Amino acid sequence: MRQMSRIKDFYKKIAEQIVLFAIIIVIIIAMGIASPYFLSVRNAMNIVQYVSTYGIIAIGMTMVILTGGINLSVGGTLAVCLRGGKVHAGGYSMAGCHTRMFDCGRDGRSCEWFCGCGA
């Protein structure tokens, strides 16, 4: 009897996931029909570019949580690094990108040190 309950719960969870996936597919199709630019390569690259920052942060936070630590200063550190990157970049030029990335990393470490959150 208990095993049947587990099987029902398992199939219920799978059905919920399938419904959510179907809703996402319907939204993508509707947006593709509504706008000719939605399914373009340029839009896909734009989405990947904006999501990649959060993906990298999520991977890092997952590692921190799995190792038993917790660090609540990630958002503030990201803001300082992005602001420093904007100041160093002087717009959207990619010249001297390695130096600017080093400076952004340095800004992040100094923010961690100043907040008392650094290791």
PDB file of N, CA and C in Angstrom:
ATOM      1  N   MET A   1       0.817  -1.188   0.000  1.00  0.00           N
ATOM      2  CA  MET A   1       0.000   0.000   0.000  1.00  0.00           C
ATOM      3  C   MET A   1       0.869   1.264   0.000  1.00  0.00           C
ATOM      4  N   ARG A   2       1.916   1.235   0.816  1.00  0.00           N
ATOM      5  CA  ARG A   2       2.800   2.385   0.913  1.00  0.00           C
ATOM      6  C   ARG A   2       3.589   2.588  -0.380  1.00  0.00           C
ATOM      7  N   GLN A   3       3.948   1.482  -1.013  1.00  0.00           N
ATOM      8  CA  GLN A   3       4.699   1.549  -2.262  1.00  0.00           C
ATOM      9  C   GLN A   3       3.830   2.155  -3.368  1.00  0.00           C
ATOM     10  N   MET A   4       2.557   1.831  -3.387  1.00  0.00           N
ATOM     11  CA  MET A   4       1.643   2.399  -4.383  1.00  0.00           C
ATOM     12  C   MET A   4       1.539   3.913  -4.208  1.00  0.00           C
ATOM     13  N   SER A   5       1.558   4.357  -2.964  1.00  0.00           N
ATOM     14  CA  SER A   5       1.506   5.788  -2.681  1.00  0.00           C
ATOM     15  C   SER A   5       2.756   6.486  -3.224  1.00  0.00           C
ATOM     16  N   ARG A   6       3.909   5.863  -3.048  1.00  0.00           N
ATOM     17  CA  ARG A   6       5.159   6.433  -3.566  1.00  0.00           C
ATOM     18  C   ARG A   6       5.153   6.492  -5.083  1.00  0.00           C
ATOM     19  N   ILE A   7       4.634   5.466  -5.709  1.00  0.00           N
ATOM     20  CA  ILE A   7       4.566   5.435  -7.175  1.00  0.00           C
ATOM     21  C   ILE A   7       3.637   6.533  -7.680  1.00  0.00           C
ATOM     22  N   LYS A   8       2.492   6.707  -7.014  1.00  0.00           N
ATOM     23  CA  LYS A   8       1.562   7.764  -7.406  1.00  0.00           C
ATOM     24  C   LYS A   8       2.206   9.138  -7.255  1.00  0.00           C
ATOM     25  N   ASP A   9       2.919   9.358  -6.141  1.00  0.00           N
ATOM     26  CA  ASP A   9       3.598  10.637  -5.928  1.00  0.00           C
ATOM     27  C   ASP A   9       4.652  10.880  -7.001  1.00  0.00           C
ATOM     28  N   PHE A  10       5.372   9.820  -7.361  1.00  0.00           N
ATOM     29  CA  PHE A  10       6.409   9.936  -8.387  1.00  0.00           C
ATOM     30  C   PHE A  10       5.798  10.361  -9.718  1.00  0.00           C
ATOM     31  N   TYR A  11       4.719   9.701 -10.139  1.00  0.00           N
ATOM     32  CA  TYR A  11       4.062  10.029 -11.400  1.00  0.00           C
ATOM     33  C   TYR A  11       3.403  11.409 -11.348  1.00  0.00           C
ATOM     34  N   LYS A  12       2.941  11.794 -10.181  1.00  0.00           N
ATOM     35  CA  LYS A  12       2.350  13.119 -10.036  1.00  0.00           C
ATOM     36  C   LYS A  12       3.410  14.199 -10.245  1.00  0.00           C
ATOM     37  N   LYS A  13       4.604  13.985  -9.686  1.00  0.00           N
ATOM     38  CA  LYS A  13       5.691  14.947  -9.869  1.00  0.00           C
ATOM     39  C   LYS A  13       6.132  15.010 -11.321  1.00  0.00           C
ATOM     40  N   ILE A  14       6.197  13.870 -11.975  1.00  0.00           N
ATOM     41  CA  ILE A  14       6.572  13.849 -13.393  1.00  0.00           C
ATOM     42  C   ILE A  14       5.524  14.578 -14.219  1.00  0.00           C
ATOM     43  N   ALA A  15       4.244  14.372 -13.915  1.00  0.00           N
ATOM     44  CA  ALA A  15       3.169  15.046 -14.648  1.00  0.00           C
ATOM     45  C   ALA A  15       3.256  16.556 -14.465  1.00  0.00           C
ATOM     46  N   GLU A  16       3.569  17.009 -13.255  1.00  0.00           N
ATOM     47  CA  GLU A  16       3.723  18.443 -13.009  1.00  0.00           C
ATOM     48  C   GLU A  16       4.861  19.009 -13.847  1.00  0.00           C
ATOM     49  N   GLN A  17       5.967  18.289 -13.915  1.00  0.00           N
ATOM     50  CA  GLN A  17       7.114  18.747 -14.712  1.00  0.00           C
ATOM     51  C   GLN A  17       6.775  18.804 -16.196  1.00  0.00           C
ATOM     52  N   ILE A  18       6.044  17.819 -16.673  1.00  0.00           N
ATOM     53  CA  ILE A  18       5.649  17.794 -18.092  1.00  0.00           C
ATOM     54  C   ILE A  18       4.719  18.965 -18.403  1.00  0.00           C
ATOM     55  N   VAL A  19       3.808  19.256 -17.507  1.00  0.00           N
ATOM     56  CA  VAL A  19       2.897  20.383 -17.717  1.00  0.00           C
ATOM     57  C   VAL A  19       3.678  21.700 -17.763  1.00  0.00           C
ATOM     58  N   LEU A  20       4.616  21.884 -16.848  1.00  0.00           N
ATOM     59  CA  LEU A  20       5.419  23.107 -16.847  1.00  0.00           C
ATOM     60  C   LEU A  20       6.248  23.227 -18.127  1.00  0.00           C
ATOM     61  N   PHE A  21       6.835  22.118 -18.574  1.00  0.00           N
ATOM     62  CA  PHE A  21       7.613  22.123 -19.807  1.00  0.00           C
ATOM     63  C   PHE A  21       6.722  22.473 -20.994  1.00  0.00           C
ATOM     64  N   ALA A  22       5.503  21.927 -21.032  1.00  0.00           N
ATOM     65  CA  ALA A  22       4.565  22.218 -22.122  1.00  0.00           C
ATOM     66  C   ALA A  22       4.172  23.688 -22.126  1.00  0.00           C
ATOM     67  N   ILE A  23       3.994  24.268 -20.945  1.00  0.00           N
ATOM     68  CA  ILE A  23       3.662  25.688 -20.860  1.00  0.00           C
ATOM     69  C   ILE A  23       4.800  26.537 -21.414  1.00  0.00           C
ATOM     70  N   ILE A  24       6.027  26.181 -21.077  1.00  0.00           N
ATOM     71  CA  ILE A  24       7.178  26.919 -21.610  1.00  0.00           C
ATOM     72  C   ILE A  24       7.236  26.815 -23.130  1.00  0.00           C
ATOM     73  N   ILE A  25       7.012  25.631 -23.666  1.00  0.00           N
ATOM     74  CA  ILE A  25       7.020  25.447 -25.123  1.00  0.00           C
ATOM     75  C   ILE A  25       5.927  26.280 -25.776  1.00  0.00           C
ATOM     76  N   VAL A  26       4.726  26.310 -25.193  1.00  0.00           N
ATOM     77  CA  VAL A  26       3.623  27.106 -25.736  1.00  0.00           C
ATOM     78  C   VAL A  26       3.975  28.592 -25.729  1.00  0.00           C
ATOM     79  N   ILE A  27       4.595  29.064 -24.649  1.00  0.00           N
ATOM     80  CA  ILE A  27       5.000  30.469 -24.574  1.00  0.00           C
ATOM     81  C   ILE A  27       6.042  30.786 -25.645  1.00  0.00           C
ATOM     82  N   ILE A  28       7.015  29.902 -25.839  1.00  0.00           N
ATOM     83  CA  ILE A  28       8.047  30.125 -26.862  1.00  0.00           C
ATOM     84  C   ILE A  28       7.415  30.178 -28.248  1.00  0.00           C
ATOM     85  N   ILE A  29       6.509  29.274 -28.535  1.00  0.00           N
ATOM     86  CA  ILE A  29       5.838  29.271 -29.845  1.00  0.00           C
ATOM     87  C   ILE A  29       5.015  30.550 -30.022  1.00  0.00           C
ATOM     88  N   ALA A  30       4.275  30.949 -28.997  1.00  0.00           N
ATOM     89  CA  ALA A  30       3.456  32.163 -29.089  1.00  0.00           C
ATOM     90  C   ALA A  30       4.322  33.397 -29.308  1.00  0.00           C
ATOM     91  N   MET A  31       5.442  33.497 -28.595  1.00  0.00           N
ATOM     92  CA  MET A  31       6.327  34.645 -28.770  1.00  0.00           C
ATOM     93  C   MET A  31       6.999  34.624 -30.139  1.00  0.00           C
ATOM     94  N   GLY A  32       7.315  33.428 -30.635  1.00  0.00           N
ATOM     95  CA  GLY A  32       7.894  33.309 -31.972  1.00  0.00           C
ATOM     96  C   GLY A  32       6.927  33.764 -33.051  1.00  0.00           C
ATOM     97  N   ILE A  33       5.643  33.505 -32.849  1.00  0.00           N
ATOM     98  CA  ILE A  33       4.633  33.951 -33.800  1.00  0.00           C
ATOM     99  C   ILE A  33       4.386  35.454 -33.660  1.00  0.00           C
ATOM    100  N   ALA A  34       4.395  35.965 -32.443  1.00  0.00           N
ATOM    101  CA  ALA A  34       4.102  37.375 -32.194  1.00  0.00           C
ATOM    102  C   ALA A  34       5.207  38.303 -32.682  1.00  0.00           C
ATOM    103  N   SER A  35       6.453  37.877 -32.611  1.00  0.00           N
ATOM    104  CA  SER A  35       7.571  38.734 -32.997  1.00  0.00           C
ATOM    105  C   SER A  35       8.549  37.962 -33.876  1.00  0.00           C
ATOM    106  N   PRO A  36       8.924  38.529 -35.010  1.00  0.00           N
ATOM    107  CA  PRO A  36       9.880  37.838 -35.879  1.00  0.00           C
ATOM    108  C   PRO A  36      11.303  37.823 -35.304  1.00  0.00           C
ATOM    109  N   TYR A  37      11.569  38.656 -34.313  1.00  0.00           N
ATOM    110  CA  TYR A  37      12.913  38.754 -33.742  1.00  0.00           C
ATOM    111  C   TYR A  37      13.142  37.791 -32.582  1.00  0.00           C
ATOM    112  N   PHE A  38      12.065  37.215 -32.028  1.00  0.00           N
ATOM    113  CA  PHE A  38      12.190  36.400 -30.828  1.00  0.00           C
ATOM    114  C   PHE A  38      13.017  35.130 -31.059  1.00  0.00           C
ATOM    115  N   LEU A  39      12.830  34.465 -32.176  1.00  0.00           N
ATOM    116  CA  LEU A  39      13.546  33.218 -32.454  1.00  0.00           C
ATOM    117  C   LEU A  39      14.829  33.433 -33.250  1.00  0.00           C
ATOM    118  N   SER A  40      15.355  34.655 -33.234  1.00  0.00           N
ATOM    119  CA  SER A  40      16.583  34.947 -33.976  1.00  0.00           C
ATOM    120  C   SER A  40      17.825  34.544 -33.177  1.00  0.00           C
ATOM    121  N   VAL A  41      18.907  34.349 -33.880  1.00  0.00           N
ATOM    122  CA  VAL A  41      20.181  34.003 -33.236  1.00  0.00           C
ATOM    123  C   VAL A  41      20.660  35.155 -32.360  1.00  0.00           C
ATOM    124  N   ARG A  42      20.459  36.377 -32.823  1.00  0.00           N
ATOM    125  CA  ARG A  42      20.893  37.550 -32.058  1.00  0.00           C
ATOM    126  C   ARG A  42      20.194  37.599 -30.699  1.00  0.00           C
ATOM    127  N   ASN A  43      18.890  37.324 -30.680  1.00  0.00           N
ATOM    128  CA  ASN A  43      18.148  37.320 -29.421  1.00  0.00           C
ATOM    129  C   ASN A  43      18.629  36.199 -28.504  1.00  0.00           C
ATOM    130  N   ALA A  44      18.879  35.025 -29.077  1.00  0.00           N
ATOM    131  CA  ALA A  44      19.374  33.899 -28.272  1.00  0.00           C
ATOM    132  C   ALA A  44      20.728  34.233 -27.649  1.00  0.00           C
ATOM    133  N   MET A  45      21.614  34.842 -28.425  1.00  0.00           N
ATOM    134  CA  MET A  45      22.928  35.221 -27.888  1.00  0.00           C
ATOM    135  C   MET A  45      22.793  36.294 -26.808  1.00  0.00           C
ATOM    136  N   ASN A  46      21.864  37.205 -26.997  1.00  0.00           N
ATOM    137  CA  ASN A  46      21.616  38.239 -26.006  1.00  0.00           C
ATOM    138  C   ASN A  46      21.132  37.631 -24.692  1.00  0.00           C
ATOM    139  N   ILE A  47      20.227  36.679 -24.768  1.00  0.00           N
ATOM    140  CA  ILE A  47      19.724  36.010 -23.569  1.00  0.00           C
ATOM    141  C   ILE A  47      20.839  35.241 -22.868  1.00  0.00           C
ATOM    142  N   VAL A  48      21.647  34.508 -23.632  1.00  0.00           N
ATOM    143  CA  VAL A  48      22.759  33.751 -23.051  1.00  0.00           C
ATOM    144  C   VAL A  48      23.749  34.685 -22.371  1.00  0.00           C
ATOM    145  N   GLN A  49      24.022  35.832 -22.996  1.00  0.00           N
ATOM    146  CA  GLN A  49      24.961  36.793 -22.414  1.00  0.00           C
ATOM    147  C   GLN A  49      24.458  37.307 -21.068  1.00  0.00           C
ATOM    148  N   TYR A  50      23.186  37.633 -20.963  1.00  0.00           N
ATOM    149  CA  TYR A  50      22.654  38.164 -19.715  1.00  0.00           C
ATOM    150  C   TYR A  50      22.482  37.099 -18.638  1.00  0.00           C
ATOM    151  N   VAL A  51      22.197  35.872 -19.026  1.00  0.00           N
ATOM    152  CA  VAL A  51      21.961  34.806 -18.055  1.00  0.00           C
ATOM    153  C   VAL A  51      23.272  34.209 -17.544  1.00  0.00           C
ATOM    154  N   SER A  52      24.343  34.323 -18.325  1.00  0.00           N
ATOM    155  CA  SER A  52      25.600  33.672 -17.950  1.00  0.00           C
ATOM    156  C   SER A  52      26.155  34.178 -16.622  1.00  0.00           C
ATOM    157  N   THR A  53      26.026  35.462 -16.351  1.00  0.00           N
ATOM    158  CA  THR A  53      26.517  36.015 -15.084  1.00  0.00           C
ATOM    159  C   THR A  53      25.828  35.345 -13.904  1.00  0.00           C
ATOM    160  N   TYR A  54      24.520  35.228 -13.982  1.00  0.00           N
ATOM    161  CA  TYR A  54      23.771  34.615 -12.886  1.00  0.00           C
ATOM    162  C   TYR A  54      24.060  33.118 -12.787  1.00  0.00           C
ATOM    163  N   GLY A  55      24.305  32.479 -13.912  1.00  0.00           N
ATOM    164  CA  GLY A  55      24.660  31.060 -13.897  1.00  0.00           C
ATOM    165  C   GLY A  55      25.975  30.810 -13.189  1.00  0.00           C
ATOM    166  N   ILE A  56      26.967  31.644 -13.478  1.00  0.00           N
ATOM    167  CA  ILE A  56      28.274  31.508 -12.827  1.00  0.00           C
ATOM    168  C   ILE A  56      28.148  31.748 -11.323  1.00  0.00           C
ATOM    169  N   ILE A  57      27.388  32.762 -10.945  1.00  0.00           N
ATOM    170  CA  ILE A  57      27.183  33.042  -9.518  1.00  0.00           C
ATOM    171  C   ILE A  57      26.452  31.879  -8.850  1.00  0.00           C
ATOM    172  N   ALA A  58      25.463  31.311  -9.535  1.00  0.00           N
ATOM    173  CA  ALA A  58      24.709  30.194  -8.958  1.00  0.00           C
ATOM    174  C   ALA A  58      25.594  28.975  -8.750  1.00  0.00           C
ATOM    175  N   ILE A  59      26.496  28.709  -9.692  1.00  0.00           N
ATOM    176  CA  ILE A  59      27.423  27.581  -9.532  1.00  0.00           C
ATOM    177  C   ILE A  59      28.327  27.817  -8.328  1.00  0.00           C
ATOM    178  N   GLY A  60      28.849  29.025  -8.212  1.00  0.00           N
ATOM    179  CA  GLY A  60      29.703  29.344  -7.073  1.00  0.00           C
ATOM    180  C   GLY A  60      28.977  29.248  -5.749  1.00  0.00           C
ATOM    181  N   MET A  61      27.761  29.763  -5.691  1.00  0.00           N
ATOM    182  CA  MET A  61      26.980  29.690  -4.456  1.00  0.00           C
ATOM    183  C   MET A  61      26.616  28.247  -4.113  1.00  0.00           C
ATOM    184  N   THR A  62      26.365  27.430  -5.128  1.00  0.00           N
ATOM    185  CA  THR A  62      26.081  26.016  -4.872  1.00  0.00           C
ATOM    186  C   THR A  62      27.281  25.347  -4.216  1.00  0.00           C
ATOM    187  N   MET A  63      28.469  25.652  -4.717  1.00  0.00           N
ATOM    188  CA  MET A  63      29.678  25.076  -4.118  1.00  0.00           C
ATOM    189  C   MET A  63      29.862  25.555  -2.676  1.00  0.00           C
ATOM    190  N   VAL A  64      29.589  26.826  -2.424  1.00  0.00           N
ATOM    191  CA  VAL A  64      29.725  27.360  -1.062  1.00  0.00           C
ATOM    192  C   VAL A  64      28.740  26.668  -0.125  1.00  0.00           C
ATOM    193  N   ILE A  65      27.508  26.501  -0.567  1.00  0.00           N
ATOM    194  CA  ILE A  65      26.494  25.872   0.280  1.00  0.00           C
ATOM    195  C   ILE A  65      26.816  24.399   0.506  1.00  0.00           C
ATOM    196  N   LEU A  66      27.288  23.708  -0.543  1.00  0.00           N
ATOM    197  CA  LEU A  66      27.620  22.286  -0.392  1.00  0.00           C
ATOM    198  C   LEU A  66      28.786  22.053   0.559  1.00  0.00           C
ATOM    199  N   THR A  67      29.702  23.001   0.638  1.00  0.00           N
ATOM    200  CA  THR A  67      30.842  22.834   1.541  1.00  0.00           C
ATOM    201  C   THR A  67      30.517  23.264   2.964  1.00  0.00           C
ATOM    202  N   GLY A  68      29.289  23.718   3.198  1.00  0.00           N
ATOM    203  CA  GLY A  68      28.875  24.049   4.549  1.00  0.00           C
ATOM    204  C   GLY A  68      29.048  25.504   4.911  1.00  0.00           C
ATOM    205  N   GLY A  69      29.574  26.301   4.016  1.00  0.00           N
ATOM    206  CA  GLY A  69      29.732  27.721   4.300  1.00  0.00           C
ATOM    207  C   GLY A  69      28.547  28.498   3.756  1.00  0.00           C
ATOM    208  N   ILE A  70      28.428  29.732   4.166  1.00  0.00           N
ATOM    209  CA  ILE A  70      27.386  30.581   3.616  1.00  0.00           C
ATOM    210  C   ILE A  70      27.980  31.975   3.494  1.00  0.00           C
ATOM    211  N   ASN A  71      27.711  32.622   2.381  1.00  0.00           N
ATOM    212  CA  ASN A  71      28.275  33.932   2.119  1.00  0.00           C
ATOM    213  C   ASN A  71      27.163  34.797   1.554  1.00  0.00           C
ATOM    214  N   LEU A  72      26.715  35.767   2.336  1.00  0.00           N
ATOM    215  CA  LEU A  72      25.596  36.607   1.924  1.00  0.00           C
ATOM    216  C   LEU A  72      26.046  37.856   1.184  1.00  0.00           C
ATOM    217  N   SER A  73      27.335  38.040   0.994  1.00  0.00           N
ATOM    218  CA  SER A  73      27.819  39.263   0.365  1.00  0.00           C
ATOM    219  C   SER A  73      27.991  39.120  -1.143  1.00  0.00           C
ATOM    220  N   VAL A  74      27.471  38.059  -1.736  1.00  0.00           N
ATOM    221  CA  VAL A  74      27.672  37.825  -3.165  1.00  0.00           C
ATOM    222  C   VAL A  74      27.052  38.935  -4.004  1.00  0.00           C
ATOM    223  N   GLY A  75      25.840  39.346  -3.680  1.00  0.00           N
ATOM    224  CA  GLY A  75      25.183  40.405  -4.444  1.00  0.00           C
ATOM    225  C   GLY A  75      25.935  41.722  -4.382  1.00  0.00           C
ATOM    226  N   GLY A  76      26.402  42.093  -3.200  1.00  0.00           N
ATOM    227  CA  GLY A  76      27.161  43.330  -3.051  1.00  0.00           C
ATOM    228  C   GLY A  76      28.491  43.272  -3.777  1.00  0.00           C
ATOM    229  N   THR A  77      29.145  42.129  -3.699  1.00  0.00           N
ATOM    230  CA  THR A  77      30.419  41.961  -4.392  1.00  0.00           C
ATOM    231  C   THR A  77      30.222  42.040  -5.894  1.00  0.00           C
ATOM    232  N   LEU A  78      29.168  41.421  -6.400  1.00  0.00           N
ATOM    233  CA  LEU A  78      28.869  41.502  -7.826  1.00  0.00           C
ATOM    234  C   LEU A  78      28.629  42.947  -8.246  1.00  0.00           C
ATOM    235  N   ALA A  79      27.882  43.693  -7.453  1.00  0.00           N
ATOM    236  CA  ALA A  79      27.592  45.088  -7.787  1.00  0.00           C
ATOM    237  C   ALA A  79      28.863  45.914  -7.842  1.00  0.00           C
ATOM    238  N   VAL A  80      29.765  45.732  -6.873  1.00  0.00           N
ATOM    239  CA  VAL A  80      31.025  46.475  -6.867  1.00  0.00           C
ATOM    240  C   VAL A  80      31.871  46.095  -8.078  1.00  0.00           C
ATOM    241  N   CYS A  81      31.937  44.807  -8.394  1.00  0.00           N
ATOM    242  CA  CYS A  81      32.738  44.361  -9.539  1.00  0.00           C
ATOM    243  C   CYS A  81      32.171  44.890 -10.851  1.00  0.00           C
ATOM    244  N   LEU A  82      30.856  44.860 -11.001  1.00  0.00           N
ATOM    245  CA  LEU A  82      30.256  45.360 -12.234  1.00  0.00           C
ATOM    246  C   LEU A  82      30.439  46.861 -12.362  1.00  0.00           C
ATOM    247  N   ARG A  83      30.317  47.569 -11.259  1.00  0.00           N
ATOM    248  CA  ARG A  83      30.537  49.018 -11.292  1.00  0.00           C
ATOM    249  C   ARG A  83      31.999  49.315 -11.637  1.00  0.00           C
ATOM    250  N   GLY A  84      32.910  48.570 -11.025  1.00  0.00           N
ATOM    251  CA  GLY A  84      34.320  48.760 -11.344  1.00  0.00           C
ATOM    252  C   GLY A  84      34.605  48.427 -12.797  1.00  0.00           C
ATOM    253  N   GLY A  85      33.966  47.383 -13.306  1.00  0.00           N
ATOM    254  CA  GLY A  85      34.153  47.015 -14.706  1.00  0.00           C
ATOM    255  C   GLY A  85      33.650  48.088 -15.638  1.00  0.00           C
ATOM    256  N   LYS A  86      32.534  48.704 -15.303  1.00  0.00           N
ATOM    257  CA  LYS A  86      31.977  49.777 -16.122  1.00  0.00           C
ATOM    258  C   LYS A  86      32.903  50.983 -16.113  1.00  0.00           C
ATOM    259  N   VAL A  87      33.458  51.320 -14.955  1.00  0.00           N
ATOM    260  CA  VAL A  87      34.371  52.458 -14.862  1.00  0.00           C
ATOM    261  C   VAL A  87      35.636  52.176 -15.666  1.00  0.00           C
ATOM    262  N   HIS A  88      36.187  50.977 -15.525  1.00  0.00           N
ATOM    263  CA  HIS A  88      37.430  50.647 -16.223  1.00  0.00           C
ATOM    264  C   HIS A  88      37.223  50.479 -17.719  1.00  0.00           C
ATOM    265  N   ALA A  89      36.046  50.003 -18.113  1.00  0.00           N
ATOM    266  CA  ALA A  89      35.799  49.762 -19.536  1.00  0.00           C
ATOM    267  C   ALA A  89      35.571  51.065 -20.279  1.00  0.00           C
ATOM    268  N   GLY A  90      35.045  52.076 -19.627  1.00  0.00           N
ATOM    269  CA  GLY A  90      34.810  53.341 -20.294  1.00  0.00           C
ATOM    270  C   GLY A  90      33.819  53.209 -21.435  1.00  0.00           C
ATOM    271  N   GLY A  91      32.801  52.438 -21.260  1.00  0.00           N
ATOM    272  CA  GLY A  91      31.814  52.186 -22.310  1.00  0.00           C
ATOM    273  C   GLY A  91      31.794  50.714 -22.632  1.00  0.00           C
ATOM    274  N   TYR A  92      31.795  50.391 -23.920  1.00  0.00           N
ATOM    275  CA  TYR A  92      31.694  49.006 -24.338  1.00  0.00           C
ATOM    276  C   TYR A  92      32.928  48.545 -25.094  1.00  0.00           C
ATOM    277  N   SER A  93      34.031  49.240 -24.965  1.00  0.00           N
ATOM    278  CA  SER A  93      35.268  48.846 -25.638  1.00  0.00           C
ATOM    279  C   SER A  93      35.861  47.628 -24.943  1.00  0.00           C
ATOM    280  N   MET A  94      36.390  46.693 -25.726  1.00  0.00           N
ATOM    281  CA  MET A  94      36.981  45.483 -25.153  1.00  0.00           C
ATOM    282  C   MET A  94      38.507  45.553 -25.144  1.00  0.00           C
ATOM    283  N   ALA A  95      39.098  46.696 -25.487  1.00  0.00           N
ATOM    284  CA  ALA A  95      40.552  46.820 -25.494  1.00  0.00           C
ATOM    285  C   ALA A  95      41.075  46.722 -24.064  1.00  0.00           C
ATOM    286  N   GLY A  96      42.124  45.960 -23.850  1.00  0.00           N
ATOM    287  CA  GLY A  96      42.694  45.788 -22.527  1.00  0.00           C
ATOM    288  C   GLY A  96      41.789  45.011 -21.598  1.00  0.00           C
ATOM    289  N   CYS A  97      41.081  44.060 -22.144  1.00  0.00           N
ATOM    290  CA  CYS A  97      40.071  43.319 -21.375  1.00  0.00           C
ATOM    291  C   CYS A  97      40.693  42.581 -20.194  1.00  0.00           C
ATOM    292  N   HIS A  98      41.889  42.004 -20.351  1.00  0.00           N
ATOM    293  CA  HIS A  98      42.502  41.231 -19.266  1.00  0.00           C
ATOM    294  C   HIS A  98      42.828  42.127 -18.074  1.00  0.00           C
ATOM    295  N   THR A  99      43.327  43.329 -18.336  1.00  0.00           N
ATOM    296  CA  THR A  99      43.622  44.246 -17.244  1.00  0.00           C
ATOM    297  C   THR A  99      42.352  44.635 -16.521  1.00  0.00           C
ATOM    298  N   ARG A 100      41.292  44.855 -17.265  1.00  0.00           N
ATOM    299  CA  ARG A 100      40.030  45.256 -16.648  1.00  0.00           C
ATOM    300  C   ARG A 100      39.441  44.125 -15.824  1.00  0.00           C
ATOM    301  N   MET A 101      39.571  42.890 -16.308  1.00  0.00           N
ATOM    302  CA  MET A 101      39.054  41.763 -15.523  1.00  0.00           C
ATOM    303  C   MET A 101      39.850  41.633 -14.230  1.00  0.00           C
ATOM    304  N   PHE A 102      41.161  41.869 -14.279  1.00  0.00           N
ATOM    305  CA  PHE A 102      41.967  41.818 -13.063  1.00  0.00           C
ATOM    306  C   PHE A 102      41.511  42.894 -12.094  1.00  0.00           C
ATOM    307  N   ASP A 103      41.253  44.099 -12.613  1.00  0.00           N
ATOM    308  CA  ASP A 103      40.810  45.188 -11.753  1.00  0.00           C
ATOM    309  C   ASP A 103      39.465  44.869 -11.108  1.00  0.00           C
ATOM    310  N   CYS A 104      38.541  44.265 -11.875  1.00  0.00           N
ATOM    311  CA  CYS A 104      37.237  43.897 -11.317  1.00  0.00           C
ATOM    312  C   CYS A 104      37.413  42.854 -10.224  1.00  0.00           C
ATOM    313  N   GLY A 105      38.291  41.890 -10.434  1.00  0.00           N
ATOM    314  CA  GLY A 105      38.560  40.884  -9.413  1.00  0.00           C
ATOM    315  C   GLY A 105      39.147  41.515  -8.171  1.00  0.00           C
ATOM    316  N   ARG A 106      40.049  42.473  -8.377  1.00  0.00           N
ATOM    317  CA  ARG A 106      40.654  43.168  -7.240  1.00  0.00           C
ATOM    318  C   ARG A 106      39.594  43.941  -6.468  1.00  0.00           C
ATOM    319  N   ASP A 107      38.677  44.606  -7.193  1.00  0.00           N
ATOM    320  CA  ASP A 107      37.607  45.345  -6.523  1.00  0.00           C
ATOM    321  C   ASP A 107      36.741  44.412  -5.692  1.00  0.00           C
ATOM    322  N   GLY A 108      36.458  43.236  -6.226  1.00  0.00           N
ATOM    323  CA  GLY A 108      35.647  42.268  -5.497  1.00  0.00           C
ATOM    324  C   GLY A 108      36.334  41.784  -4.240  1.00  0.00           C
ATOM    325  N   ARG A 109      37.641  41.518  -4.338  1.00  0.00           N
ATOM    326  CA  ARG A 109      38.375  41.061  -3.152  1.00  0.00           C
ATOM    327  C   ARG A 109      38.444  42.165  -2.111  1.00  0.00           C
ATOM    328  N   SER A 110      38.638  43.416  -2.549  1.00  0.00           N
ATOM    329  CA  SER A 110      38.696  44.504  -1.577  1.00  0.00           C
ATOM    330  C   SER A 110      37.339  44.707  -0.914  1.00  0.00           C
ATOM    331  N   CYS A 111      36.256  44.504  -1.664  1.00  0.00           N
ATOM    332  CA  CYS A 111      34.920  44.613  -1.071  1.00  0.00           C
ATOM    333  C   CYS A 111      34.723  43.517  -0.035  1.00  0.00           C
ATOM    334  N   GLU A 112      35.146  42.307  -0.359  1.00  0.00           N
ATOM    335  CA  GLU A 112      35.047  41.190   0.600  1.00  0.00           C
ATOM    336  C   GLU A 112      35.858  41.514   1.854  1.00  0.00           C
ATOM    337  N   TRP A 113      37.065  42.048   1.681  1.00  0.00           N
ATOM    338  CA  TRP A 113      37.909  42.372   2.825  1.00  0.00           C
ATOM    339  C   TRP A 113      37.284  43.478   3.662  1.00  0.00           C
ATOM    340  N   PHE A 114      36.760  44.516   2.991  1.00  0.00           N
ATOM    341  CA  PHE A 114      36.187  45.658   3.700  1.00  0.00           C
ATOM    342  C   PHE A 114      34.950  45.234   4.488  1.00  0.00           C
ATOM    343  N   CYS A 115      34.107  44.379   3.899  1.00  0.00           N
ATOM    344  CA  CYS A 115      32.888  43.941   4.578  1.00  0.00           C
ATOM    345  C   CYS A 115      33.179  42.944   5.682  1.00  0.00           C
ATOM    346  N   GLY A 116      34.400  42.414   5.723  1.00  0.00           N
ATOM    347  CA  GLY A 116      34.736  41.412   6.721  1.00  0.00           C
ATOM    348  C   GLY A 116      34.268  40.027   6.345  1.00  0.00           C
ATOM    349  N   CYS A 117      33.928  39.846   5.067  1.00  0.00           N
ATOM    350  CA  CYS A 117      33.401  38.556   4.630  1.00  0.00           C
ATOM    351  C   CYS A 117      34.463  37.700   3.949  1.00  0.00           C
ATOM    352  N   GLY A 118      35.608  38.286   3.656  1.00  0.00           N
ATOM    353  CA  GLY A 118      36.633  37.551   2.910  1.00  0.00           C
ATOM    354  C   GLY A 118      37.287  36.471   3.735  1.00  0.00           C
ATOM    355  N   ALA A 119      37.798  35.470   3.043  1.00  0.00           N
ATOM    356  CA  ALA A 119      38.445  34.356   3.743  1.00  0.00           C
ATOM    357  C   ALA A 119      39.869  34.678   4.070  1.00  0.00           C
TER     358      ALA A 119
END
